Amino acid sequence: SKKADGTPSYTLPAIHDTTTGAYISDSFPIVEYLEKTFPNTP
């Protein structure tokens, strides 16, 4: 996100997929990535 002054805000969670090299931040985008990347899981 952005801070009140307009500068970038960095927060956790974040993940690094060592297989694809992807870095993903923020909980829901991470979950969407996991759904797409690991389709054979629940």
Full PDB file with SEQRES, HELIX, SHEET, SSBOND, CRYST1, ORIGX, SCALE, CONECT and MASTER records, all heavy atoms in Angstrom:
SEQRES   1 A   42  SER LYS LYS ALA ASP GLY THR PRO SER TYR THR LEU PRO          
SEQRES   2 A   42  ALA ILE HIS ASP THR THR THR GLY ALA TYR ILE SER ASP          
SEQRES   3 A   42  SER PHE PRO ILE VAL GLU TYR LEU GLU LYS THR PHE PRO          
SEQRES   4 A   42  ASN THR PRO                                                  
HELIX    1 AA1 SER A   27  THR A   37  1                                  11    
SHEET    1 AA1 2 ALA A  14  HIS A  16  0                                        
SHEET    2 AA1 2 TYR A  23  SER A  25 -1                                        
CRYST1    1.000    1.000    1.000  90.00  90.00  90.00 P 1           1          
ORIGX1      1.000000  0.000000  0.000000        0.00000                         
ORIGX2      0.000000  1.000000  0.000000        0.00000                         
ORIGX3      0.000000  0.000000  1.000000        0.00000                         
SCALE1      1.000000  0.000000  0.000000        0.00000                         
SCALE2      0.000000  1.000000  0.000000        0.00000                         
SCALE3      0.000000  0.000000  1.000000        0.00000                         
ATOM      1  N   SER A   1       0.859  -1.183   0.000  1.00  0.00           N  
ATOM      2  CA  SER A   1       0.000   0.000   0.000  1.00  0.00           C  
ATOM      3  C   SER A   1       0.894   1.232   0.000  1.00  0.00           C  
ATOM      4  O   SER A   1       2.110   1.125  -0.197  1.00  0.00           O  
ATOM      5  CB  SER A   1      -0.923   0.001   1.231  1.00  0.00           C  
ATOM      6  OG  SER A   1      -0.163   0.053   2.427  1.00  0.00           O  
ATOM      7  N   LYS A   2       0.292   2.399   0.243  1.00  0.00           N  
ATOM      8  CA  LYS A   2       1.050   3.630   0.374  1.00  0.00           C  
ATOM      9  C   LYS A   2       0.800   4.271   1.734  1.00  0.00           C  
ATOM     10  O   LYS A   2      -0.294   4.173   2.284  1.00  0.00           O  
ATOM     11  CB  LYS A   2       0.671   4.614  -0.734  1.00  0.00           C  
ATOM     12  CG  LYS A   2       1.155   4.204  -2.110  1.00  0.00           C  
ATOM     13  CD  LYS A   2       0.885   5.289  -3.146  1.00  0.00           C  
ATOM     14  CE  LYS A   2       1.445   4.891  -4.504  1.00  0.00           C  
ATOM     15  NZ  LYS A   2       1.196   5.948  -5.525  1.00  0.00           N  
ATOM     16  N   LYS A   3       1.831   4.899   2.271  1.00  0.00           N  
ATOM     17  CA  LYS A   3       1.699   5.627   3.518  1.00  0.00           C  
ATOM     18  C   LYS A   3       0.955   6.934   3.269  1.00  0.00           C  
ATOM     19  O   LYS A   3       0.690   7.314   2.124  1.00  0.00           O  
ATOM     20  CB  LYS A   3       3.082   5.911   4.109  1.00  0.00           C  
ATOM     21  CG  LYS A   3       3.900   4.667   4.399  1.00  0.00           C  
ATOM     22  CD  LYS A   3       5.298   5.028   4.888  1.00  0.00           C  
ATOM     23  CE  LYS A   3       6.160   3.796   5.079  1.00  0.00           C  
ATOM     24  NZ  LYS A   3       7.554   4.142   5.480  1.00  0.00           N  
ATOM     25  N   ALA A   4       0.628   7.634   4.348  1.00  0.00           N  
ATOM     26  CA  ALA A   4      -0.106   8.890   4.232  1.00  0.00           C  
ATOM     27  C   ALA A   4       0.642   9.915   3.386  1.00  0.00           C  
ATOM     28  O   ALA A   4       0.026  10.744   2.709  1.00  0.00           O  
ATOM     29  CB  ALA A   4      -0.398   9.460   5.619  1.00  0.00           C  
ATOM     30  N   ASP A   5       1.971   9.833   3.408  1.00  0.00           N  
ATOM     31  CA  ASP A   5       2.770  10.800   2.634  1.00  0.00           C  
ATOM     32  C   ASP A   5       2.990  10.357   1.188  1.00  0.00           C  
ATOM     33  O   ASP A   5       3.699  11.025   0.422  1.00  0.00           O  
ATOM     34  CB  ASP A   5       4.112  11.060   3.314  1.00  0.00           C  
ATOM     35  CG  ASP A   5       4.984   9.803   3.409  1.00  0.00           C  
ATOM     36  OD1 ASP A   5       4.585   8.750   2.877  1.00  0.00           O  
ATOM     37  OD2 ASP A   5       6.063   9.880   4.025  1.00  0.00           O  
ATOM     38  N   GLY A   6       2.384   9.228   0.808  1.00  0.00           N  
ATOM     39  CA  GLY A   6       2.481   8.755  -0.566  1.00  0.00           C  
ATOM     40  C   GLY A   6       3.620   7.803  -0.854  1.00  0.00           C  
ATOM     41  O   GLY A   6       3.716   7.271  -1.962  1.00  0.00           O  
ATOM     42  N   THR A   7       4.493   7.569   0.127  1.00  0.00           N  
ATOM     43  CA  THR A   7       5.607   6.646  -0.071  1.00  0.00           C  
ATOM     44  C   THR A   7       5.131   5.204   0.093  1.00  0.00           C  
ATOM     45  O   THR A   7       4.130   4.935   0.764  1.00  0.00           O  
ATOM     46  CB  THR A   7       6.741   6.932   0.926  1.00  0.00           C  
ATOM     47  OG1 THR A   7       6.228   6.820   2.264  1.00  0.00           O  
ATOM     48  CG2 THR A   7       7.301   8.336   0.715  1.00  0.00           C  
ATOM     49  N   PRO A   8       5.833   4.245  -0.511  1.00  0.00           N  
ATOM     50  CA  PRO A   8       5.401   2.847  -0.437  1.00  0.00           C  
ATOM     51  C   PRO A   8       5.439   2.302   0.996  1.00  0.00           C  
ATOM     52  O   PRO A   8       6.303   2.659   1.795  1.00  0.00           O  
ATOM     53  CB  PRO A   8       6.422   2.118  -1.311  1.00  0.00           C  
ATOM     54  CG  PRO A   8       7.010   3.163  -2.183  1.00  0.00           C  
ATOM     55  CD  PRO A   8       7.018   4.417  -1.371  1.00  0.00           C  
ATOM     56  N   SER A   9       4.476   1.448   1.300  1.00  0.00           N  
ATOM     57  CA  SER A   9       4.415   0.777   2.596  1.00  0.00           C  
ATOM     58  C   SER A   9       4.652  -0.712   2.383  1.00  0.00           C  
ATOM     59  O   SER A   9       3.988  -1.343   1.550  1.00  0.00           O  
ATOM     60  CB  SER A   9       3.051   0.999   3.257  1.00  0.00           C  
ATOM     61  OG  SER A   9       2.944   0.267   4.462  1.00  0.00           O  
ATOM     62  N   TYR A  10       5.592  -1.262   3.121  1.00  0.00           N  
ATOM     63  CA  TYR A  10       5.947  -2.678   3.001  1.00  0.00           C  
ATOM     64  C   TYR A  10       5.488  -3.418   4.255  1.00  0.00           C  
ATOM     65  O   TYR A  10       5.809  -3.009   5.375  1.00  0.00           O  
ATOM     66  CB  TYR A  10       7.458  -2.843   2.834  1.00  0.00           C  
ATOM     67  CG  TYR A  10       7.987  -2.231   1.563  1.00  0.00           C  
ATOM     68  CD1 TYR A  10       8.344  -0.886   1.505  1.00  0.00           C  
ATOM     69  CD2 TYR A  10       8.133  -3.001   0.403  1.00  0.00           C  
ATOM     70  CE1 TYR A  10       8.828  -0.317   0.331  1.00  0.00           C  
ATOM     71  CE2 TYR A  10       8.616  -2.443  -0.774  1.00  0.00           C  
ATOM     72  CZ  TYR A  10       8.962  -1.102  -0.803  1.00  0.00           C  
ATOM     73  OH  TYR A  10       9.437  -0.544  -1.962  1.00  0.00           O  
ATOM     74  N   THR A  11       4.732  -4.468   4.061  1.00  0.00           N  
ATOM     75  CA  THR A  11       4.205  -5.224   5.189  1.00  0.00           C  
ATOM     76  C   THR A  11       4.365  -6.720   4.933  1.00  0.00           C  
ATOM     77  O   THR A  11       4.646  -7.149   3.815  1.00  0.00           O  
ATOM     78  CB  THR A  11       2.716  -4.916   5.415  1.00  0.00           C  
ATOM     79  OG1 THR A  11       1.965  -5.322   4.245  1.00  0.00           O  
ATOM     80  CG2 THR A  11       2.485  -3.436   5.672  1.00  0.00           C  
ATOM     81  N   LEU A  12       4.174  -7.505   5.974  1.00  0.00           N  
ATOM     82  CA  LEU A  12       4.113  -8.957   5.861  1.00  0.00           C  
ATOM     83  C   LEU A  12       2.683  -9.383   6.141  1.00  0.00           C  
ATOM     84  O   LEU A  12       1.955  -8.681   6.832  1.00  0.00           O  
ATOM     85  CB  LEU A  12       5.081  -9.606   6.863  1.00  0.00           C  
ATOM     86  CG  LEU A  12       6.559  -9.304   6.620  1.00  0.00           C  
ATOM     87  CD1 LEU A  12       7.423 -10.034   7.640  1.00  0.00           C  
ATOM     88  CD2 LEU A  12       6.991  -9.644   5.200  1.00  0.00           C  
ATOM     89  N   PRO A  13       2.274 -10.520   5.538  1.00  0.00           N  
ATOM     90  CA  PRO A  13       3.063 -11.622   5.016  1.00  0.00           C  
ATOM     91  C   PRO A  13       3.609 -11.382   3.613  1.00  0.00           C  
ATOM     92  O   PRO A  13       3.111 -10.565   2.851  1.00  0.00           O  
ATOM     93  CB  PRO A  13       2.069 -12.777   4.992  1.00  0.00           C  
ATOM     94  CG  PRO A  13       0.768 -12.093   4.672  1.00  0.00           C  
ATOM     95  CD  PRO A  13       0.825 -10.821   5.461  1.00  0.00           C  
ATOM     96  N   ALA A  14       4.624 -12.188   3.309  1.00  0.00           N  
ATOM     97  CA  ALA A  14       5.149 -12.313   1.954  1.00  0.00           C  
ATOM     98  C   ALA A  14       5.691 -13.730   1.823  1.00  0.00           C  
ATOM     99  O   ALA A  14       5.993 -14.379   2.831  1.00  0.00           O  
ATOM    100  CB  ALA A  14       6.243 -11.292   1.688  1.00  0.00           C  
ATOM    101  N   ILE A  15       5.785 -14.200   0.600  1.00  0.00           N  
ATOM    102  CA  ILE A  15       6.361 -15.528   0.357  1.00  0.00           C  
ATOM    103  C   ILE A  15       7.348 -15.447  -0.804  1.00  0.00           C  
ATOM    104  O   ILE A  15       7.287 -14.535  -1.637  1.00  0.00           O  
ATOM    105  CB  ILE A  15       5.297 -16.596   0.034  1.00  0.00           C  
ATOM    106  CG1 ILE A  15       4.583 -16.275  -1.292  1.00  0.00           C  
ATOM    107  CG2 ILE A  15       4.309 -16.776   1.183  1.00  0.00           C  
ATOM    108  CD1 ILE A  15       3.770 -17.436  -1.859  1.00  0.00           C  
ATOM    109  N   HIS A  16       8.246 -16.429  -0.827  1.00  0.00           N  
ATOM    110  CA  HIS A  16       9.132 -16.655  -1.976  1.00  0.00           C  
ATOM    111  C   HIS A  16       8.958 -18.097  -2.408  1.00  0.00           C  
ATOM    112  O   HIS A  16       9.173 -19.016  -1.613  1.00  0.00           O  
ATOM    113  CB  HIS A  16      10.581 -16.390  -1.592  1.00  0.00           C  
ATOM    114  CG  HIS A  16      11.579 -16.749  -2.644  1.00  0.00           C  
ATOM    115  ND1 HIS A  16      11.392 -16.462  -3.976  1.00  0.00           N  
ATOM    116  CD2 HIS A  16      12.783 -17.397  -2.563  1.00  0.00           C  
ATOM    117  CE1 HIS A  16      12.427 -16.893  -4.680  1.00  0.00           C  
ATOM    118  NE2 HIS A  16      13.274 -17.465  -3.846  1.00  0.00           N  
ATOM    119  N   ASP A  17       8.510 -18.278  -3.625  1.00  0.00           N  
ATOM    120  CA  ASP A  17       8.400 -19.628  -4.188  1.00  0.00           C  
ATOM    121  C   ASP A  17       9.745 -19.944  -4.836  1.00  0.00           C  
ATOM    122  O   ASP A  17      10.086 -19.387  -5.885  1.00  0.00           O  
ATOM    123  CB  ASP A  17       7.278 -19.673  -5.228  1.00  0.00           C  
ATOM    124  CG  ASP A  17       7.029 -21.093  -5.745  1.00  0.00           C  
ATOM    125  OD1 ASP A  17       7.943 -21.928  -5.668  1.00  0.00           O  
ATOM    126  OD2 ASP A  17       5.914 -21.342  -6.236  1.00  0.00           O  
ATOM    127  N   THR A  18      10.496 -20.820  -4.205  1.00  0.00           N  
ATOM    128  CA  THR A  18      11.851 -21.114  -4.689  1.00  0.00           C  
ATOM    129  C   THR A  18      11.857 -21.906  -5.991  1.00  0.00           C  
ATOM    130  O   THR A  18      12.879 -21.979  -6.666  1.00  0.00           O  
ATOM    131  CB  THR A  18      12.642 -21.902  -3.621  1.00  0.00           C  
ATOM    132  OG1 THR A  18      11.948 -23.128  -3.334  1.00  0.00           O  
ATOM    133  CG2 THR A  18      12.776 -21.091  -2.346  1.00  0.00           C  
ATOM    134  N   THR A  19      10.713 -22.475  -6.348  1.00  0.00           N  
ATOM    135  CA  THR A  19      10.618 -23.213  -7.603  1.00  0.00           C  
ATOM    136  C   THR A  19      10.415 -22.279  -8.794  1.00  0.00           C  
ATOM    137  O   THR A  19      11.063 -22.414  -9.827  1.00  0.00           O  
ATOM    138  CB  THR A  19       9.460 -24.232  -7.548  1.00  0.00           C  
ATOM    139  OG1 THR A  19       9.701 -25.154  -6.484  1.00  0.00           O  
ATOM    140  CG2 THR A  19       9.331 -24.995  -8.855  1.00  0.00           C  
ATOM    141  N   THR A  20       9.511 -21.319  -8.644  1.00  0.00           N  
ATOM    142  CA  THR A  20       9.212 -20.400  -9.746  1.00  0.00           C  
ATOM    143  C   THR A  20      10.013 -19.109  -9.661  1.00  0.00           C  
ATOM    144  O   THR A  20      10.084 -18.360 -10.644  1.00  0.00           O  
ATOM    145  CB  THR A  20       7.722 -20.033  -9.754  1.00  0.00           C  
ATOM    146  OG1 THR A  20       7.414 -19.269  -8.568  1.00  0.00           O  
ATOM    147  CG2 THR A  20       6.853 -21.287  -9.791  1.00  0.00           C  
ATOM    148  N   GLY A  21      10.581 -18.836  -8.478  1.00  0.00           N  
ATOM    149  CA  GLY A  21      11.301 -17.591  -8.271  1.00  0.00           C  
ATOM    150  C   GLY A  21      10.423 -16.421  -7.888  1.00  0.00           C  
ATOM    151  O   GLY A  21      10.916 -15.312  -7.665  1.00  0.00           O  
ATOM    152  N   ALA A  22       9.113 -16.643  -7.790  1.00  0.00           N  
ATOM    153  CA  ALA A  22       8.170 -15.552  -7.513  1.00  0.00           C  
ATOM    154  C   ALA A  22       8.254 -15.071  -6.073  1.00  0.00           C  
ATOM    155  O   ALA A  22       8.424 -15.870  -5.141  1.00  0.00           O  
ATOM    156  CB  ALA A  22       6.753 -16.010  -7.820  1.00  0.00           C  
ATOM    157  N   TYR A  23       8.122 -13.760  -5.897  1.00  0.00           N  
ATOM    158  CA  TYR A  23       7.937 -13.141  -4.588  1.00  0.00           C  
ATOM    159  C   TYR A  23       6.553 -12.498  -4.596  1.00  0.00           C  
ATOM    160  O   TYR A  23       6.238 -11.696  -5.482  1.00  0.00           O  
ATOM    161  CB  TYR A  23       8.988 -12.062  -4.332  1.00  0.00           C  
ATOM    162  CG  TYR A  23      10.377 -12.586  -4.034  1.00  0.00           C  
ATOM    163  CD1 TYR A  23      11.314 -12.749  -5.048  1.00  0.00           C  
ATOM    164  CD2 TYR A  23      10.755 -12.911  -2.732  1.00  0.00           C  
ATOM    165  CE1 TYR A  23      12.594 -13.219  -4.778  1.00  0.00           C  
ATOM    166  CE2 TYR A  23      12.027 -13.379  -2.444  1.00  0.00           C  
ATOM    167  CZ  TYR A  23      12.938 -13.536  -3.478  1.00  0.00           C  
ATOM    168  OH  TYR A  23      14.204 -13.998  -3.195  1.00  0.00           O  
ATOM    169  N   ILE A  24       5.736 -12.838  -3.611  1.00  0.00           N  
ATOM    170  CA  ILE A  24       4.374 -12.318  -3.541  1.00  0.00           C  
ATOM    171  C   ILE A  24       4.153 -11.730  -2.151  1.00  0.00           C  
ATOM    172  O   ILE A  24       4.547 -12.327  -1.141  1.00  0.00           O  
ATOM    173  CB  ILE A  24       3.320 -13.427  -3.781  1.00  0.00           C  
ATOM    174  CG1 ILE A  24       3.679 -14.277  -5.007  1.00  0.00           C  
ATOM    175  CG2 ILE A  24       1.929 -12.817  -3.912  1.00  0.00           C  
ATOM    176  CD1 ILE A  24       3.594 -13.552  -6.307  1.00  0.00           C  
ATOM    177  N   SER A  25       3.505 -10.564  -2.091  1.00  0.00           N  
ATOM    178  CA  SER A  25       3.201  -9.929  -0.817  1.00  0.00           C  
ATOM    179  C   SER A  25       1.696  -9.743  -0.659  1.00  0.00           C  
ATOM    180  O   SER A  25       0.954  -9.730  -1.647  1.00  0.00           O  
ATOM    181  CB  SER A  25       3.900  -8.566  -0.713  1.00  0.00           C  
ATOM    182  OG  SER A  25       3.533  -7.727  -1.789  1.00  0.00           O  
ATOM    183  N   ASP A  26       1.256  -9.614   0.584  1.00  0.00           N  
ATOM    184  CA  ASP A  26      -0.140  -9.382   0.977  1.00  0.00           C  
ATOM    185  C   ASP A  26      -0.901 -10.711   0.978  1.00  0.00           C  
ATOM    186  O   ASP A  26      -0.760 -11.534   0.078  1.00  0.00           O  
ATOM    187  CB  ASP A  26      -0.815  -8.371   0.062  1.00  0.00           C  
ATOM    188  CG  ASP A  26      -1.896  -7.564   0.771  1.00  0.00           C  
ATOM    189  OD1 ASP A  26      -2.199  -7.858   1.945  1.00  0.00           O  
ATOM    190  OD2 ASP A  26      -2.424  -6.627   0.148  1.00  0.00           O  
ATOM    191  N   SER A  27      -1.733 -10.874   1.999  1.00  0.00           N  
ATOM    192  CA  SER A  27      -2.314 -12.193   2.257  1.00  0.00           C  
ATOM    193  C   SER A  27      -3.183 -12.717   1.115  1.00  0.00           C  
ATOM    194  O   SER A  27      -3.001 -13.863   0.669  1.00  0.00           O  
ATOM    195  CB  SER A  27      -3.104 -12.186   3.568  1.00  0.00           C  
ATOM    196  OG  SER A  27      -4.091 -11.177   3.561  1.00  0.00           O  
ATOM    197  N   PHE A  28      -4.134 -11.926   0.629  1.00  0.00           N  
ATOM    198  CA  PHE A  28      -5.035 -12.484  -0.388  1.00  0.00           C  
ATOM    199  C   PHE A  28      -4.340 -12.752  -1.713  1.00  0.00           C  
ATOM    200  O   PHE A  28      -4.562 -13.820  -2.313  1.00  0.00           O  
ATOM    201  CB  PHE A  28      -6.266 -11.590  -0.578  1.00  0.00           C  
ATOM    202  CG  PHE A  28      -7.401 -12.311  -1.245  1.00  0.00           C  
ATOM    203  CD1 PHE A  28      -8.132 -13.277  -0.569  1.00  0.00           C  
ATOM    204  CD2 PHE A  28      -7.726 -12.047  -2.569  1.00  0.00           C  
ATOM    205  CE1 PHE A  28      -9.170 -13.966  -1.189  1.00  0.00           C  
ATOM    206  CE2 PHE A  28      -8.755 -12.725  -3.201  1.00  0.00           C  
ATOM    207  CZ  PHE A  28      -9.487 -13.687  -2.510  1.00  0.00           C  
ATOM    208  N   PRO A  29      -3.483 -11.856  -2.224  1.00  0.00           N  
ATOM    209  CA  PRO A  29      -2.724 -12.213  -3.437  1.00  0.00           C  
ATOM    210  C   PRO A  29      -1.865 -13.464  -3.258  1.00  0.00           C  
ATOM    211  O   PRO A  29      -1.707 -14.252  -4.195  1.00  0.00           O  
ATOM    212  CB  PRO A  29      -1.856 -10.975  -3.685  1.00  0.00           C  
ATOM    213  CG  PRO A  29      -2.643  -9.850  -3.111  1.00  0.00           C  
ATOM    214  CD  PRO A  29      -3.290 -10.432  -1.887  1.00  0.00           C  
ATOM    215  N   ILE A  30      -1.330 -13.657  -2.049  1.00  0.00           N  
ATOM    216  CA  ILE A  30      -0.554 -14.877  -1.796  1.00  0.00           C  
ATOM    217  C   ILE A  30      -1.454 -16.101  -1.907  1.00  0.00           C  
ATOM    218  O   ILE A  30      -1.094 -17.102  -2.540  1.00  0.00           O  
ATOM    219  CB  ILE A  30       0.111 -14.824  -0.405  1.00  0.00           C  
ATOM    220  CG1 ILE A  30       1.213 -13.766  -0.377  1.00  0.00           C  
ATOM    221  CG2 ILE A  30       0.684 -16.201  -0.041  1.00  0.00           C  
ATOM    222  CD1 ILE A  30       1.780 -13.512   1.007  1.00  0.00           C  
ATOM    223  N   VAL A  31      -2.625 -16.023  -1.308  1.00  0.00           N  
ATOM    224  CA  VAL A  31      -3.553 -17.156  -1.350  1.00  0.00           C  
ATOM    225  C   VAL A  31      -3.983 -17.440  -2.791  1.00  0.00           C  
ATOM    226  O   VAL A  31      -4.053 -18.607  -3.213  1.00  0.00           O  
ATOM    227  CB  VAL A  31      -4.772 -16.880  -0.446  1.00  0.00           C  
ATOM    228  CG1 VAL A  31      -5.824 -17.971  -0.618  1.00  0.00           C  
ATOM    229  CG2 VAL A  31      -4.340 -16.794   1.009  1.00  0.00           C  
ATOM    230  N   GLU A  32      -4.249 -16.402  -3.558  1.00  0.00           N  
ATOM    231  CA  GLU A  32      -4.607 -16.602  -4.968  1.00  0.00           C  
ATOM    232  C   GLU A  32      -3.457 -17.266  -5.729  1.00  0.00           C  
ATOM    233  O   GLU A  32      -3.694 -18.147  -6.576  1.00  0.00           O  
ATOM    234  CB  GLU A  32      -4.960 -15.257  -5.606  1.00  0.00           C  
ATOM    235  CG  GLU A  32      -6.267 -14.662  -5.086  1.00  0.00           C  
ATOM    236  CD  GLU A  32      -6.597 -13.348  -5.747  1.00  0.00           C  
ATOM    237  OE1 GLU A  32      -5.703 -12.471  -5.783  1.00  0.00           O  
ATOM    238  OE2 GLU A  32      -7.737 -13.179  -6.209  1.00  0.00           O  
ATOM    239  N   TYR A  33      -2.237 -16.868  -5.429  1.00  0.00           N  
ATOM    240  CA  TYR A  33      -1.071 -17.479  -6.068  1.00  0.00           C  
ATOM    241  C   TYR A  33      -0.971 -18.956  -5.701  1.00  0.00           C  
ATOM    242  O   TYR A  33      -0.716 -19.813  -6.566  1.00  0.00           O  
ATOM    243  CB  TYR A  33       0.201 -16.745  -5.647  1.00  0.00           C  
ATOM    244  CG  TYR A  33       1.469 -17.387  -6.163  1.00  0.00           C  
ATOM    245  CD1 TYR A  33       1.935 -17.094  -7.441  1.00  0.00           C  
ATOM    246  CD2 TYR A  33       2.184 -18.293  -5.385  1.00  0.00           C  
ATOM    247  CE1 TYR A  33       3.093 -17.700  -7.932  1.00  0.00           C  
ATOM    248  CE2 TYR A  33       3.337 -18.896  -5.861  1.00  0.00           C  
ATOM    249  CZ  TYR A  33       3.784 -18.610  -7.136  1.00  0.00           C  
ATOM    250  OH  TYR A  33       4.929 -19.211  -7.618  1.00  0.00           O  
ATOM    251  N   LEU A  34      -1.163 -19.273  -4.431  1.00  0.00           N  
ATOM    252  CA  LEU A  34      -1.077 -20.663  -3.992  1.00  0.00           C  
ATOM    253  C   LEU A  34      -2.161 -21.517  -4.634  1.00  0.00           C  
ATOM    254  O   LEU A  34      -1.930 -22.678  -5.003  1.00  0.00           O  
ATOM    255  CB  LEU A  34      -1.176 -20.732  -2.463  1.00  0.00           C  
ATOM    256  CG  LEU A  34      -0.040 -20.066  -1.686  1.00  0.00           C  
ATOM    257  CD1 LEU A  34      -0.327 -20.101  -0.184  1.00  0.00           C  
ATOM    258  CD2 LEU A  34       1.304 -20.730  -1.981  1.00  0.00           C  
ATOM    259  N   GLU A  35      -3.357 -20.958  -4.778  1.00  0.00           N  
ATOM    260  CA  GLU A  35      -4.450 -21.682  -5.438  1.00  0.00           C  
ATOM    261  C   GLU A  35      -4.077 -22.029  -6.883  1.00  0.00           C  
ATOM    262  O   GLU A  35      -4.304 -23.136  -7.354  1.00  0.00           O  
ATOM    263  CB  GLU A  35      -5.716 -20.833  -5.432  1.00  0.00           C  
ATOM    264  CG  GLU A  35      -6.475 -20.837  -4.135  1.00  0.00           C  
ATOM    265  CD  GLU A  35      -7.326 -22.090  -3.964  1.00  0.00           C  
ATOM    266  OE1 GLU A  35      -8.312 -22.266  -4.703  1.00  0.00           O  
ATOM    267  OE2 GLU A  35      -7.000 -22.894  -3.075  1.00  0.00           O  
ATOM    268  N   LYS A  36      -3.507 -21.064  -7.575  1.00  0.00           N  
ATOM    269  CA  LYS A  36      -3.171 -21.254  -8.987  1.00  0.00           C  
ATOM    270  C   LYS A  36      -1.962 -22.163  -9.168  1.00  0.00           C  
ATOM    271  O   LYS A  36      -1.934 -23.005 -10.078  1.00  0.00           O  
ATOM    272  CB  LYS A  36      -2.893 -19.893  -9.625  1.00  0.00           C  
ATOM    273  CG  LYS A  36      -2.539 -19.953 -11.102  1.00  0.00           C  
ATOM    274  CD  LYS A  36      -2.293 -18.563 -11.658  1.00  0.00           C  
ATOM    275  CE  LYS A  36      -1.917 -18.604 -13.131  1.00  0.00           C  
ATOM    276  NZ  LYS A  36      -1.673 -17.237 -13.690  1.00  0.00           N  
ATOM    277  N   THR A  37      -0.979 -22.020  -8.288  1.00  0.00           N  
ATOM    278  CA  THR A  37       0.298 -22.715  -8.466  1.00  0.00           C  
ATOM    279  C   THR A  37       0.255 -24.152  -7.952  1.00  0.00           C  
ATOM    280  O   THR A  37       1.012 -25.006  -8.424  1.00  0.00           O  
ATOM    281  CB  THR A  37       1.417 -21.937  -7.754  1.00  0.00           C  
ATOM    282  OG1 THR A  37       1.384 -20.572  -8.202  1.00  0.00           O  
ATOM    283  CG2 THR A  37       2.784 -22.511  -8.036  1.00  0.00           C  
ATOM    284  N   PHE A  38      -0.643 -24.403  -6.985  1.00  0.00           N  
ATOM    285  CA  PHE A  38      -0.749 -25.752  -6.410  1.00  0.00           C  
ATOM    286  C   PHE A  38      -2.184 -26.262  -6.579  1.00  0.00           C  
ATOM    287  O   PHE A  38      -2.928 -26.427  -5.597  1.00  0.00           O  
ATOM    288  CB  PHE A  38      -0.356 -25.726  -4.930  1.00  0.00           C  
ATOM    289  CG  PHE A  38       1.071 -25.282  -4.697  1.00  0.00           C  
ATOM    290  CD1 PHE A  38       1.370 -23.932  -4.487  1.00  0.00           C  
ATOM    291  CD2 PHE A  38       2.109 -26.191  -4.699  1.00  0.00           C  
ATOM    292  CE1 PHE A  38       2.676 -23.506  -4.277  1.00  0.00           C  
ATOM    293  CE2 PHE A  38       3.425 -25.784  -4.492  1.00  0.00           C  
ATOM    294  CZ  PHE A  38       3.700 -24.435  -4.284  1.00  0.00           C  
ATOM    295  N   PRO A  39      -2.596 -26.503  -7.831  1.00  0.00           N  
ATOM    296  CA  PRO A  39      -4.002 -26.866  -8.103  1.00  0.00           C  
ATOM    297  C   PRO A  39      -4.420 -28.225  -7.560  1.00  0.00           C  
ATOM    298  O   PRO A  39      -5.625 -28.493  -7.450  1.00  0.00           O  
ATOM    299  CB  PRO A  39      -4.071 -26.844  -9.637  1.00  0.00           C  
ATOM    300  CG  PRO A  39      -2.672 -27.153 -10.076  1.00  0.00           C  
ATOM    301  CD  PRO A  39      -1.786 -26.467  -9.063  1.00  0.00           C  
ATOM    302  N   ASN A  40      -3.457 -29.069  -7.232  1.00  0.00           N  
ATOM    303  CA  ASN A  40      -3.803 -30.404  -6.750  1.00  0.00           C  
ATOM    304  C   ASN A  40      -3.881 -30.492  -5.233  1.00  0.00           C  
ATOM    305  O   ASN A  40      -3.900 -31.588  -4.665  1.00  0.00           O  
ATOM    306  CB  ASN A  40      -2.790 -31.422  -7.283  1.00  0.00           C  
ATOM    307  CG  ASN A  40      -2.839 -31.533  -8.796  1.00  0.00           C  
ATOM    308  OD1 ASN A  40      -3.910 -31.486  -9.396  1.00  0.00           O  
ATOM    309  ND2 ASN A  40      -1.687 -31.681  -9.429  1.00  0.00           N  
ATOM    310  N   THR A  41      -3.928 -29.337  -4.585  1.00  0.00           N  
ATOM    311  CA  THR A  41      -4.112 -29.286  -3.135  1.00  0.00           C  
ATOM    312  C   THR A  41      -5.547 -28.849  -2.837  1.00  0.00           C  
ATOM    313  O   THR A  41      -6.238 -28.318  -3.720  1.00  0.00           O  
ATOM    314  CB  THR A  41      -3.136 -28.282  -2.499  1.00  0.00           C  
ATOM    315  OG1 THR A  41      -3.394 -26.973  -3.037  1.00  0.00           O  
ATOM    316  CG2 THR A  41      -1.691 -28.661  -2.796  1.00  0.00           C  
ATOM    317  N   PRO A  42      -6.040 -29.076  -1.605  1.00  0.00           N  
ATOM    318  CA  PRO A  42      -7.415 -28.662  -1.283  1.00  0.00           C  
ATOM    319  C   PRO A  42      -7.630 -27.173  -1.544  1.00  0.00           C  
ATOM    320  O   PRO A  42      -6.827 -26.344  -1.141  1.00  0.00           O  
ATOM    321  CB  PRO A  42      -7.529 -28.989   0.205  1.00  0.00           C  
ATOM    322  CG  PRO A  42      -6.526 -30.078   0.435  1.00  0.00           C  
ATOM    323  CD  PRO A  42      -5.380 -29.760  -0.477  1.00  0.00           C  
TER     324      PRO A  42                                                      
MASTER        0    0    0    1    2    0    0    6  323    1    0    4          
END                                                                             
